Amino acid sequence: MEALHLIPEGELNILKQDISDIKTILKTRPEEQFRFTWIESKNVPALLGISHKTWQNWRDKRIIPFSQFGAKIYVRLSDLNDLLEANKVTAL
């Protein structure tokens, strides 16, 4: 009996490779270096659980720093963390 795949096999293989690459990075890079890691802006809304429009508004209002090269926009993970820390509501 053939297995049912909800994700196309090609995309599943890419996802498996990405996870493998992340594991390798986590094993070989000191944690401090991740503070300076840049990610593509298109990945930020999913990380923060916000819409793409909200993320666009935040960039337009310069709520968070970013770098842009042509159409590519990058954000430092440490800046995202700083944004979350600055807006943290403390427990009572």
PDB file of N, CA and C in Angstrom:
ATOM      1  N   MET A   1       0.845  -1.176   0.000  1.00  0.00           N
ATOM      2  CA  MET A   1       0.000   0.000   0.000  1.00  0.00           C
ATOM      3  C   MET A   1       0.898   1.250   0.000  1.00  0.00           C
ATOM      4  N   GLU A   2       0.666   2.154  -0.919  1.00  0.00           N
ATOM      5  CA  GLU A   2       1.461   3.367  -1.056  1.00  0.00           C
ATOM      6  C   GLU A   2       1.019   4.401  -0.026  1.00  0.00           C
ATOM      7  N   ALA A   3       2.011   5.107   0.571  1.00  0.00           N
ATOM      8  CA  ALA A   3       1.720   6.119   1.586  1.00  0.00           C
ATOM      9  C   ALA A   3       1.083   7.342   0.943  1.00  0.00           C
ATOM     10  N   LEU A   4       0.151   7.946   1.664  1.00  0.00           N
ATOM     11  CA  LEU A   4      -0.501   9.174   1.217  1.00  0.00           C
ATOM     12  C   LEU A   4       0.326  10.361   1.689  1.00  0.00           C
ATOM     13  N   HIS A   5       0.735  11.239   0.768  1.00  0.00           N
ATOM     14  CA  HIS A   5       1.531  12.409   1.106  1.00  0.00           C
ATOM     15  C   HIS A   5       0.680  13.668   0.944  1.00  0.00           C
ATOM     16  N   LEU A   6       0.566  14.437   2.012  1.00  0.00           N
ATOM     17  CA  LEU A   6      -0.148  15.701   1.942  1.00  0.00           C
ATOM     18  C   LEU A   6       0.740  16.798   1.371  1.00  0.00           C
ATOM     19  N   ILE A   7       2.056  16.597   1.489  1.00  0.00           N
ATOM     20  CA  ILE A   7       3.028  17.521   0.925  1.00  0.00           C
ATOM     21  C   ILE A   7       3.680  16.822  -0.256  1.00  0.00           C
ATOM     22  N   PRO A   8       3.751  17.484  -1.406  1.00  0.00           N
ATOM     23  CA  PRO A   8       4.406  16.855  -2.557  1.00  0.00           C
ATOM     24  C   PRO A   8       5.816  16.383  -2.190  1.00  0.00           C
ATOM     25  N   GLU A   9       6.207  15.252  -2.717  1.00  0.00           N
ATOM     26  CA  GLU A   9       7.474  14.628  -2.333  1.00  0.00           C
ATOM     27  C   GLU A   9       8.673  15.550  -2.536  1.00  0.00           C
ATOM     28  N   GLY A  10       8.690  16.299  -3.614  1.00  0.00           N
ATOM     29  CA  GLY A  10       9.800  17.219  -3.860  1.00  0.00           C
ATOM     30  C   GLY A  10       9.912  18.269  -2.768  1.00  0.00           C
ATOM     31  N   GLU A  11       8.774  18.848  -2.383  1.00  0.00           N
ATOM     32  CA  GLU A  11       8.775  19.861  -1.328  1.00  0.00           C
ATOM     33  C   GLU A  11       9.144  19.245   0.018  1.00  0.00           C
ATOM     34  N   LEU A  12       8.707  18.014   0.253  1.00  0.00           N
ATOM     35  CA  LEU A  12       9.043  17.311   1.488  1.00  0.00           C
ATOM     36  C   LEU A  12      10.550  17.082   1.577  1.00  0.00           C
ATOM     37  N   ASN A  13      11.169  16.716   0.454  1.00  0.00           N
ATOM     38  CA  ASN A  13      12.614  16.497   0.447  1.00  0.00           C
ATOM     39  C   ASN A  13      13.369  17.799   0.703  1.00  0.00           C
ATOM     40  N   ILE A  14      12.881  18.904   0.140  1.00  0.00           N
ATOM     41  CA  ILE A  14      13.501  20.209   0.382  1.00  0.00           C
ATOM     42  C   ILE A  14      13.386  20.562   1.863  1.00  0.00           C
ATOM     43  N   LEU A  15      12.209  20.334   2.440  1.00  0.00           N
ATOM     44  CA  LEU A  15      11.986  20.621   3.851  1.00  0.00           C
ATOM     45  C   LEU A  15      12.910  19.784   4.729  1.00  0.00           C
ATOM     46  N   LYS A  16      13.052  18.506   4.403  1.00  0.00           N
ATOM     47  CA  LYS A  16      13.955  17.629   5.153  1.00  0.00           C
ATOM     48  C   LYS A  16      15.391  18.135   5.073  1.00  0.00           C
ATOM     49  N   GLN A  17      15.811  18.591   3.894  1.00  0.00           N
ATOM     50  CA  GLN A  17      17.171  19.103   3.729  1.00  0.00           C
ATOM     51  C   GLN A  17      17.361  20.387   4.534  1.00  0.00           C
ATOM     52  N   ASP A  18      16.353  21.261   4.511  1.00  0.00           N
ATOM     53  CA  ASP A  18      16.437  22.497   5.290  1.00  0.00           C
ATOM     54  C   ASP A  18      16.578  22.193   6.783  1.00  0.00           C
ATOM     55  N   ILE A  19      15.817  21.239   7.281  1.00  0.00           N
ATOM     56  CA  ILE A  19      15.896  20.855   8.691  1.00  0.00           C
ATOM     57  C   ILE A  19      17.275  20.287   8.999  1.00  0.00           C
ATOM     58  N   SER A  20      17.786  19.484   8.100  1.00  0.00           N
ATOM     59  CA  SER A  20      19.128  18.930   8.269  1.00  0.00           C
ATOM     60  C   SER A  20      20.175  20.039   8.311  1.00  0.00           C
ATOM     61  N   ASP A  21      20.041  21.037   7.429  1.00  0.00           N
ATOM     62  CA  ASP A  21      20.979  22.167   7.403  1.00  0.00           C
ATOM     63  C   ASP A  21      20.908  22.958   8.705  1.00  0.00           C
ATOM     64  N   ILE A  22      19.709  23.173   9.219  1.00  0.00           N
ATOM     65  CA  ILE A  22      19.534  23.911  10.468  1.00  0.00           C
ATOM     66  C   ILE A  22      20.189  23.153  11.621  1.00  0.00           C
ATOM     67  N   LYS A  23      19.997  21.840  11.659  1.00  0.00           N
ATOM     68  CA  LYS A  23      20.634  21.026  12.698  1.00  0.00           C
ATOM     69  C   LYS A  23      22.143  21.155  12.638  1.00  0.00           C
ATOM     70  N   THR A  24      22.694  21.135  11.443  1.00  0.00           N
ATOM     71  CA  THR A  24      24.138  21.260  11.281  1.00  0.00           C
ATOM     72  C   THR A  24      24.620  22.612  11.789  1.00  0.00           C
ATOM     73  N   ILE A  25      23.907  23.670  11.440  1.00  0.00           N
ATOM     74  CA  ILE A  25      24.277  25.007  11.891  1.00  0.00           C
ATOM     75  C   ILE A  25      24.217  25.101  13.412  1.00  0.00           C
ATOM     76  N   LEU A  26      23.160  24.566  13.996  1.00  0.00           N
ATOM     77  CA  LEU A  26      23.007  24.630  15.446  1.00  0.00           C
ATOM     78  C   LEU A  26      24.124  23.889  16.168  1.00  0.00           C
ATOM     79  N   LYS A  27      24.628  22.838  15.561  1.00  0.00           N
ATOM     80  CA  LYS A  27      25.700  22.055  16.179  1.00  0.00           C
ATOM     81  C   LYS A  27      27.062  22.718  16.016  1.00  0.00           C
ATOM     82  N   THR A  28      27.240  23.533  14.988  1.00  0.00           N
ATOM     83  CA  THR A  28      28.572  24.030  14.672  1.00  0.00           C
ATOM     84  C   THR A  28      28.798  25.505  14.981  1.00  0.00           C
ATOM     85  N   ARG A  29      27.745  26.280  15.208  1.00  0.00           N
ATOM     86  CA  ARG A  29      27.916  27.722  15.436  1.00  0.00           C
ATOM     87  C   ARG A  29      27.621  28.080  16.879  1.00  0.00           C
ATOM     88  N   PRO A  30      28.473  28.877  17.479  1.00  0.00           N
ATOM     89  CA  PRO A  30      28.181  29.345  18.847  1.00  0.00           C
ATOM     90  C   PRO A  30      26.892  30.165  18.868  1.00  0.00           C
ATOM     91  N   GLU A  31      26.176  30.079  19.971  1.00  0.00           N
ATOM     92  CA  GLU A  31      24.883  30.769  20.087  1.00  0.00           C
ATOM     93  C   GLU A  31      25.012  32.275  19.863  1.00  0.00           C
ATOM     94  N   GLU A  32      26.085  32.867  20.316  1.00  0.00           N
ATOM     95  CA  GLU A  32      26.261  34.305  20.191  1.00  0.00           C
ATOM     96  C   GLU A  32      26.219  34.764  18.737  1.00  0.00           C
ATOM     97  N   GLN A  33      26.697  33.955  17.820  1.00  0.00           N
ATOM     98  CA  GLN A  33      26.709  34.340  16.413  1.00  0.00           C
ATOM     99  C   GLN A  33      25.304  34.499  15.845  1.00  0.00           C
ATOM    100  N   PHE A  34      24.327  33.822  16.425  1.00  0.00           N
ATOM    101  CA  PHE A  34      22.960  33.929  15.908  1.00  0.00           C
ATOM    102  C   PHE A  34      22.377  35.329  16.127  1.00  0.00           C
ATOM    103  N   ARG A  35      22.922  36.085  17.077  1.00  0.00           N
ATOM    104  CA  ARG A  35      22.429  37.443  17.296  1.00  0.00           C
ATOM    105  C   ARG A  35      22.601  38.289  16.054  1.00  0.00           C
ATOM    106  N   PHE A  36      23.521  37.922  15.191  1.00  0.00           N
ATOM    107  CA  PHE A  36      23.833  38.721  14.013  1.00  0.00           C
ATOM    108  C   PHE A  36      23.369  38.068  12.719  1.00  0.00           C
ATOM    109  N   THR A  37      22.556  37.053  12.844  1.00  0.00           N
ATOM    110  CA  THR A  37      22.049  36.359  11.671  1.00  0.00           C
ATOM    111  C   THR A  37      20.912  37.160  11.051  1.00  0.00           C
ATOM    112  N   TRP A  38      20.945  37.272   9.752  1.00  0.00           N
ATOM    113  CA  TRP A  38      19.917  37.986   9.010  1.00  0.00           C
ATOM    114  C   TRP A  38      18.989  36.991   8.335  1.00  0.00           C
ATOM    115  N   ILE A  39      17.700  37.291   8.312  1.00  0.00           N
ATOM    116  CA  ILE A  39      16.730  36.441   7.621  1.00  0.00           C
ATOM    117  C   ILE A  39      15.975  37.296   6.609  1.00  0.00           C
ATOM    118  N   GLU A  40      15.402  36.609   5.635  1.00  0.00           N
ATOM    119  CA  GLU A  40      14.605  37.325   4.636  1.00  0.00           C
ATOM    120  C   GLU A  40      13.321  37.848   5.268  1.00  0.00           C
ATOM    121  N   SER A  41      12.973  39.050   4.896  1.00  0.00           N
ATOM    122  CA  SER A  41      11.797  39.717   5.438  1.00  0.00           C
ATOM    123  C   SER A  41      10.514  38.908   5.214  1.00  0.00           C
ATOM    124  N   LYS A  42      10.459  38.194   4.091  1.00  0.00           N
ATOM    125  CA  LYS A  42       9.232  37.443   3.786  1.00  0.00           C
ATOM    126  C   LYS A  42       8.932  36.371   4.830  1.00  0.00           C
ATOM    127  N   ASN A  43       9.927  35.991   5.641  1.00  0.00           N
ATOM    128  CA  ASN A  43       9.737  34.968   6.671  1.00  0.00           C
ATOM    129  C   ASN A  43       9.281  35.535   8.007  1.00  0.00           C
ATOM    130  N   VAL A  44       9.361  36.841   8.168  1.00  0.00           N
ATOM    131  CA  VAL A  44       9.061  37.469   9.451  1.00  0.00           C
ATOM    132  C   VAL A  44       7.590  37.341   9.859  1.00  0.00           C
ATOM    133  N   PRO A  45       6.622  37.600   8.972  1.00  0.00           N
ATOM    134  CA  PRO A  45       5.228  37.502   9.418  1.00  0.00           C
ATOM    135  C   PRO A  45       4.885  36.147  10.052  1.00  0.00           C
ATOM    136  N   ALA A  46       5.382  35.071   9.487  1.00  0.00           N
ATOM    137  CA  ALA A  46       5.098  33.755  10.062  1.00  0.00           C
ATOM    138  C   ALA A  46       5.764  33.598  11.427  1.00  0.00           C
ATOM    139  N   LEU A  47       6.975  34.132  11.572  1.00  0.00           N
ATOM    140  CA  LEU A  47       7.674  34.043  12.859  1.00  0.00           C
ATOM    141  C   LEU A  47       6.941  34.799  13.955  1.00  0.00           C
ATOM    142  N   LEU A  48       6.402  35.965  13.613  1.00  0.00           N
ATOM    143  CA  LEU A  48       5.734  36.801  14.606  1.00  0.00           C
ATOM    144  C   LEU A  48       4.230  36.566  14.690  1.00  0.00           C
ATOM    145  N   GLY A  49       3.691  35.812  13.749  1.00  0.00           N
ATOM    146  CA  GLY A  49       2.247  35.566  13.752  1.00  0.00           C
ATOM    147  C   GLY A  49       1.450  36.794  13.366  1.00  0.00           C
ATOM    148  N   ILE A  50       1.978  37.558  12.413  1.00  0.00           N
ATOM    149  CA  ILE A  50       1.293  38.765  11.938  1.00  0.00           C
ATOM    150  C   ILE A  50       1.057  38.649  10.440  1.00  0.00           C
ATOM    151  N   SER A  51       0.222  39.527   9.915  1.00  0.00           N
ATOM    152  CA  SER A  51      -0.044  39.509   8.474  1.00  0.00           C
ATOM    153  C   SER A  51       1.087  40.198   7.721  1.00  0.00           C
ATOM    154  N   HIS A  52       1.161  39.925   6.426  1.00  0.00           N
ATOM    155  CA  HIS A  52       2.155  40.585   5.583  1.00  0.00           C
ATOM    156  C   HIS A  52       1.903  42.085   5.533  1.00  0.00           C
ATOM    157  N   LYS A  53       0.643  42.498   5.582  1.00  0.00           N
ATOM    158  CA  LYS A  53       0.298  43.922   5.559  1.00  0.00           C
ATOM    159  C   LYS A  53       0.785  44.615   6.833  1.00  0.00           C
ATOM    160  N   THR A  54       0.596  43.955   7.983  1.00  0.00           N
ATOM    161  CA  THR A  54       1.091  44.513   9.243  1.00  0.00           C
ATOM    162  C   THR A  54       2.604  44.664   9.190  1.00  0.00           C
ATOM    163  N   TRP A  55       3.278  43.634   8.685  1.00  0.00           N
ATOM    164  CA  TRP A  55       4.731  43.688   8.573  1.00  0.00           C
ATOM    165  C   TRP A  55       5.155  44.828   7.640  1.00  0.00           C
ATOM    166  N   GLN A  56       4.433  45.017   6.549  1.00  0.00           N
ATOM    167  CA  GLN A  56       4.729  46.124   5.631  1.00  0.00           C
ATOM    168  C   GLN A  56       4.561  47.471   6.341  1.00  0.00           C
ATOM    169  N   ASN A  57       3.485  47.603   7.113  1.00  0.00           N
ATOM    170  CA  ASN A  57       3.249  48.850   7.853  1.00  0.00           C
ATOM    171  C   ASN A  57       4.374  49.115   8.857  1.00  0.00           C
ATOM    172  N   TRP A  58       4.819  48.083   9.551  1.00  0.00           N
ATOM    173  CA  TRP A  58       5.906  48.236  10.517  1.00  0.00           C
ATOM    174  C   TRP A  58       7.181  48.705   9.827  1.00  0.00           C
ATOM    175  N   ARG A  59       7.451  48.152   8.642  1.00  0.00           N
ATOM    176  CA  ARG A  59       8.642  48.585   7.899  1.00  0.00           C
ATOM    177  C   ARG A  59       8.471  50.032   7.433  1.00  0.00           C
ATOM    178  N   ASP A  60       7.293  50.369   6.929  1.00  0.00           N
ATOM    179  CA  ASP A  60       7.028  51.732   6.469  1.00  0.00           C
ATOM    180  C   ASP A  60       7.201  52.747   7.600  1.00  0.00           C
ATOM    181  N   LYS A  61       6.770  52.368   8.809  1.00  0.00           N
ATOM    182  CA  LYS A  61       6.858  53.249   9.971  1.00  0.00           C
ATOM    183  C   LYS A  61       8.217  53.149  10.671  1.00  0.00           C
ATOM    184  N   ARG A  62       9.105  52.324  10.139  1.00  0.00           N
ATOM    185  CA  ARG A  62      10.447  52.119  10.693  1.00  0.00           C
ATOM    186  C   ARG A  62      10.394  51.659  12.153  1.00  0.00           C
ATOM    187  N   ILE A  63       9.441  50.763  12.453  1.00  0.00           N
ATOM    188  CA  ILE A  63       9.332  50.209  13.801  1.00  0.00           C
ATOM    189  C   ILE A  63      10.497  49.269  14.079  1.00  0.00           C
ATOM    190  N   ILE A  64      10.993  48.632  13.054  1.00  0.00           N
ATOM    191  CA  ILE A  64      12.122  47.716  13.207  1.00  0.00           C
ATOM    192  C   ILE A  64      13.121  47.975  12.089  1.00  0.00           C
ATOM    193  N   PRO A  65      14.424  47.918  12.393  1.00  0.00           N
ATOM    194  CA  PRO A  65      15.421  48.150  11.344  1.00  0.00           C
ATOM    195  C   PRO A  65      15.479  46.995  10.347  1.00  0.00           C
ATOM    196  N   PHE A  66      15.861  47.309   9.129  1.00  0.00           N
ATOM    197  CA  PHE A  66      16.029  46.285   8.099  1.00  0.00           C
ATOM    198  C   PHE A  66      17.041  46.781   7.082  1.00  0.00           C
ATOM    199  N   SER A  67      17.531  45.857   6.291  1.00  0.00           N
ATOM    200  CA  SER A  67      18.432  46.202   5.187  1.00  0.00           C
ATOM    201  C   SER A  67      17.771  45.800   3.884  1.00  0.00           C
ATOM    202  N   GLN A  68      17.954  46.608   2.870  1.00  0.00           N
ATOM    203  CA  GLN A  68      17.328  46.328   1.578  1.00  0.00           C
ATOM    204  C   GLN A  68      18.362  46.439   0.464  1.00  0.00           C
ATOM    205  N   PHE A  69      18.372  45.416  -0.378  1.00  0.00           N
ATOM    206  CA  PHE A  69      19.210  45.382  -1.569  1.00  0.00           C
ATOM    207  C   PHE A  69      18.282  45.100  -2.742  1.00  0.00           C
ATOM    208  N   GLY A  70      17.946  46.119  -3.488  1.00  0.00           N
ATOM    209  CA  GLY A  70      16.968  45.947  -4.555  1.00  0.00           C
ATOM    210  C   GLY A  70      15.630  45.583  -3.940  1.00  0.00           C
ATOM    211  N   ALA A  71      15.061  44.478  -4.402  1.00  0.00           N
ATOM    212  CA  ALA A  71      13.772  44.030  -3.881  1.00  0.00           C
ATOM    213  C   ALA A  71      13.924  43.126  -2.651  1.00  0.00           C
ATOM    214  N   LYS A  72      15.144  42.719  -2.334  1.00  0.00           N
ATOM    215  CA  LYS A  72      15.381  41.827  -1.191  1.00  0.00           C
ATOM    216  C   LYS A  72      15.513  42.635   0.086  1.00  0.00           C
ATOM    217  N   ILE A  73      14.761  42.211   1.117  1.00  0.00           N
ATOM    218  CA  ILE A  73      14.804  42.870   2.418  1.00  0.00           C
ATOM    219  C   ILE A  73      15.220  41.820   3.452  1.00  0.00           C
ATOM    220  N   TYR A  74      16.129  42.228   4.337  1.00  0.00           N
ATOM    221  CA  TYR A  74      16.626  41.332   5.381  1.00  0.00           C
ATOM    222  C   TYR A  74      16.460  41.986   6.744  1.00  0.00           C
ATOM    223  N   VAL A  75      16.227  41.144   7.753  1.00  0.00           N
ATOM    224  CA  VAL A  75      16.034  41.609   9.121  1.00  0.00           C
ATOM    225  C   VAL A  75      16.938  40.781  10.033  1.00  0.00           C
ATOM    226  N   ARG A  76      17.554  41.442  10.995  1.00  0.00           N
ATOM    227  CA  ARG A  76      18.400  40.738  11.944  1.00  0.00           C
ATOM    228  C   ARG A  76      17.518  40.083  13.009  1.00  0.00           C
ATOM    229  N   LEU A  77      17.760  38.822  13.314  1.00  0.00           N
ATOM    230  CA  LEU A  77      16.976  38.120  14.324  1.00  0.00           C
ATOM    231  C   LEU A  77      17.064  38.823  15.672  1.00  0.00           C
ATOM    232  N   SER A  78      18.214  39.374  16.000  1.00  0.00           N
ATOM    233  CA  SER A  78      18.353  40.068  17.285  1.00  0.00           C
ATOM    234  C   SER A  78      17.440  41.296  17.344  1.00  0.00           C
ATOM    235  N   ASP A  79      17.188  41.948  16.197  1.00  0.00           N
ATOM    236  CA  ASP A  79      16.267  43.089  16.182  1.00  0.00           C
ATOM    237  C   ASP A  79      14.832  42.642  16.430  1.00  0.00           C
ATOM    238  N   LEU A  80      14.464  41.486  15.908  1.00  0.00           N
ATOM    239  CA  LEU A  80      13.125  40.944  16.182  1.00  0.00           C
ATOM    240  C   LEU A  80      12.989  40.627  17.666  1.00  0.00           C
ATOM    241  N   ASN A  81      14.040  40.031  18.219  1.00  0.00           N
ATOM    242  CA  ASN A  81      14.028  39.712  19.643  1.00  0.00           C
ATOM    243  C   ASN A  81      13.932  40.986  20.481  1.00  0.00           C
ATOM    244  N   ASP A  82      14.669  42.024  20.096  1.00  0.00           N
ATOM    245  CA  ASP A  82      14.613  43.302  20.813  1.00  0.00           C
ATOM    246  C   ASP A  82      13.209  43.900  20.767  1.00  0.00           C
ATOM    247  N   LEU A  83      12.551  43.790  19.611  1.00  0.00           N
ATOM    248  CA  LEU A  83      11.181  44.294  19.476  1.00  0.00           C
ATOM    249  C   LEU A  83      10.246  43.567  20.441  1.00  0.00           C
ATOM    250  N   LEU A  84      10.381  42.245  20.509  1.00  0.00           N
ATOM    251  CA  LEU A  84       9.532  41.467  21.414  1.00  0.00           C
ATOM    252  C   LEU A  84       9.829  41.818  22.871  1.00  0.00           C
ATOM    253  N   GLU A  85      11.100  41.952  23.209  1.00  0.00           N
ATOM    254  CA  GLU A  85      11.473  42.299  24.586  1.00  0.00           C
ATOM    255  C   GLU A  85      10.956  43.686  24.970  1.00  0.00           C
ATOM    256  N   ALA A  86      11.043  44.643  24.054  1.00  0.00           N
ATOM    257  CA  ALA A  86      10.594  46.010  24.327  1.00  0.00           C
ATOM    258  C   ALA A  86       9.084  46.085  24.556  1.00  0.00           C
ATOM    259  N   ASN A  87       8.356  45.129  24.016  1.00  0.00           N
ATOM    260  CA  ASN A  87       6.891  45.139  24.143  1.00  0.00           C
ATOM    261  C   ASN A  87       6.367  44.065  25.076  1.00  0.00           C
ATOM    262  N   LYS A  88       7.266  43.485  25.859  1.00  0.00           N
ATOM    263  CA  LYS A  88       6.888  42.414  26.779  1.00  0.00           C
ATOM    264  C   LYS A  88       6.081  42.973  27.937  1.00  0.00           C
ATOM    265  N   VAL A  89       5.001  42.291  28.259  1.00  0.00           N
ATOM    266  CA  VAL A  89       4.173  42.649  29.407  1.00  0.00           C
ATOM    267  C   VAL A  89       4.578  41.723  30.544  1.00  0.00           C
ATOM    268  N   THR A  90       5.003  42.288  31.663  1.00  0.00           N
ATOM    269  CA  THR A  90       5.484  41.464  32.759  1.00  0.00           C
ATOM    270  C   THR A  90       4.312  40.856  33.531  1.00  0.00           C
ATOM    271  N   ALA A  91       4.591  39.711  34.130  1.00  0.00           N
ATOM    272  CA  ALA A  91       3.583  39.012  34.926  1.00  0.00           C
ATOM    273  C   ALA A  91       3.371  39.734  36.247  1.00  0.00           C
ATOM    274  N   LEU A  92       2.191  39.606  36.810  1.00  0.00           N
ATOM    275  CA  LEU A  92       1.889  40.217  38.105  1.00  0.00           C
ATOM    276  C   LEU A  92       2.419  39.386  39.224  1.00  0.00           C
TER     277      LEU A  92
END
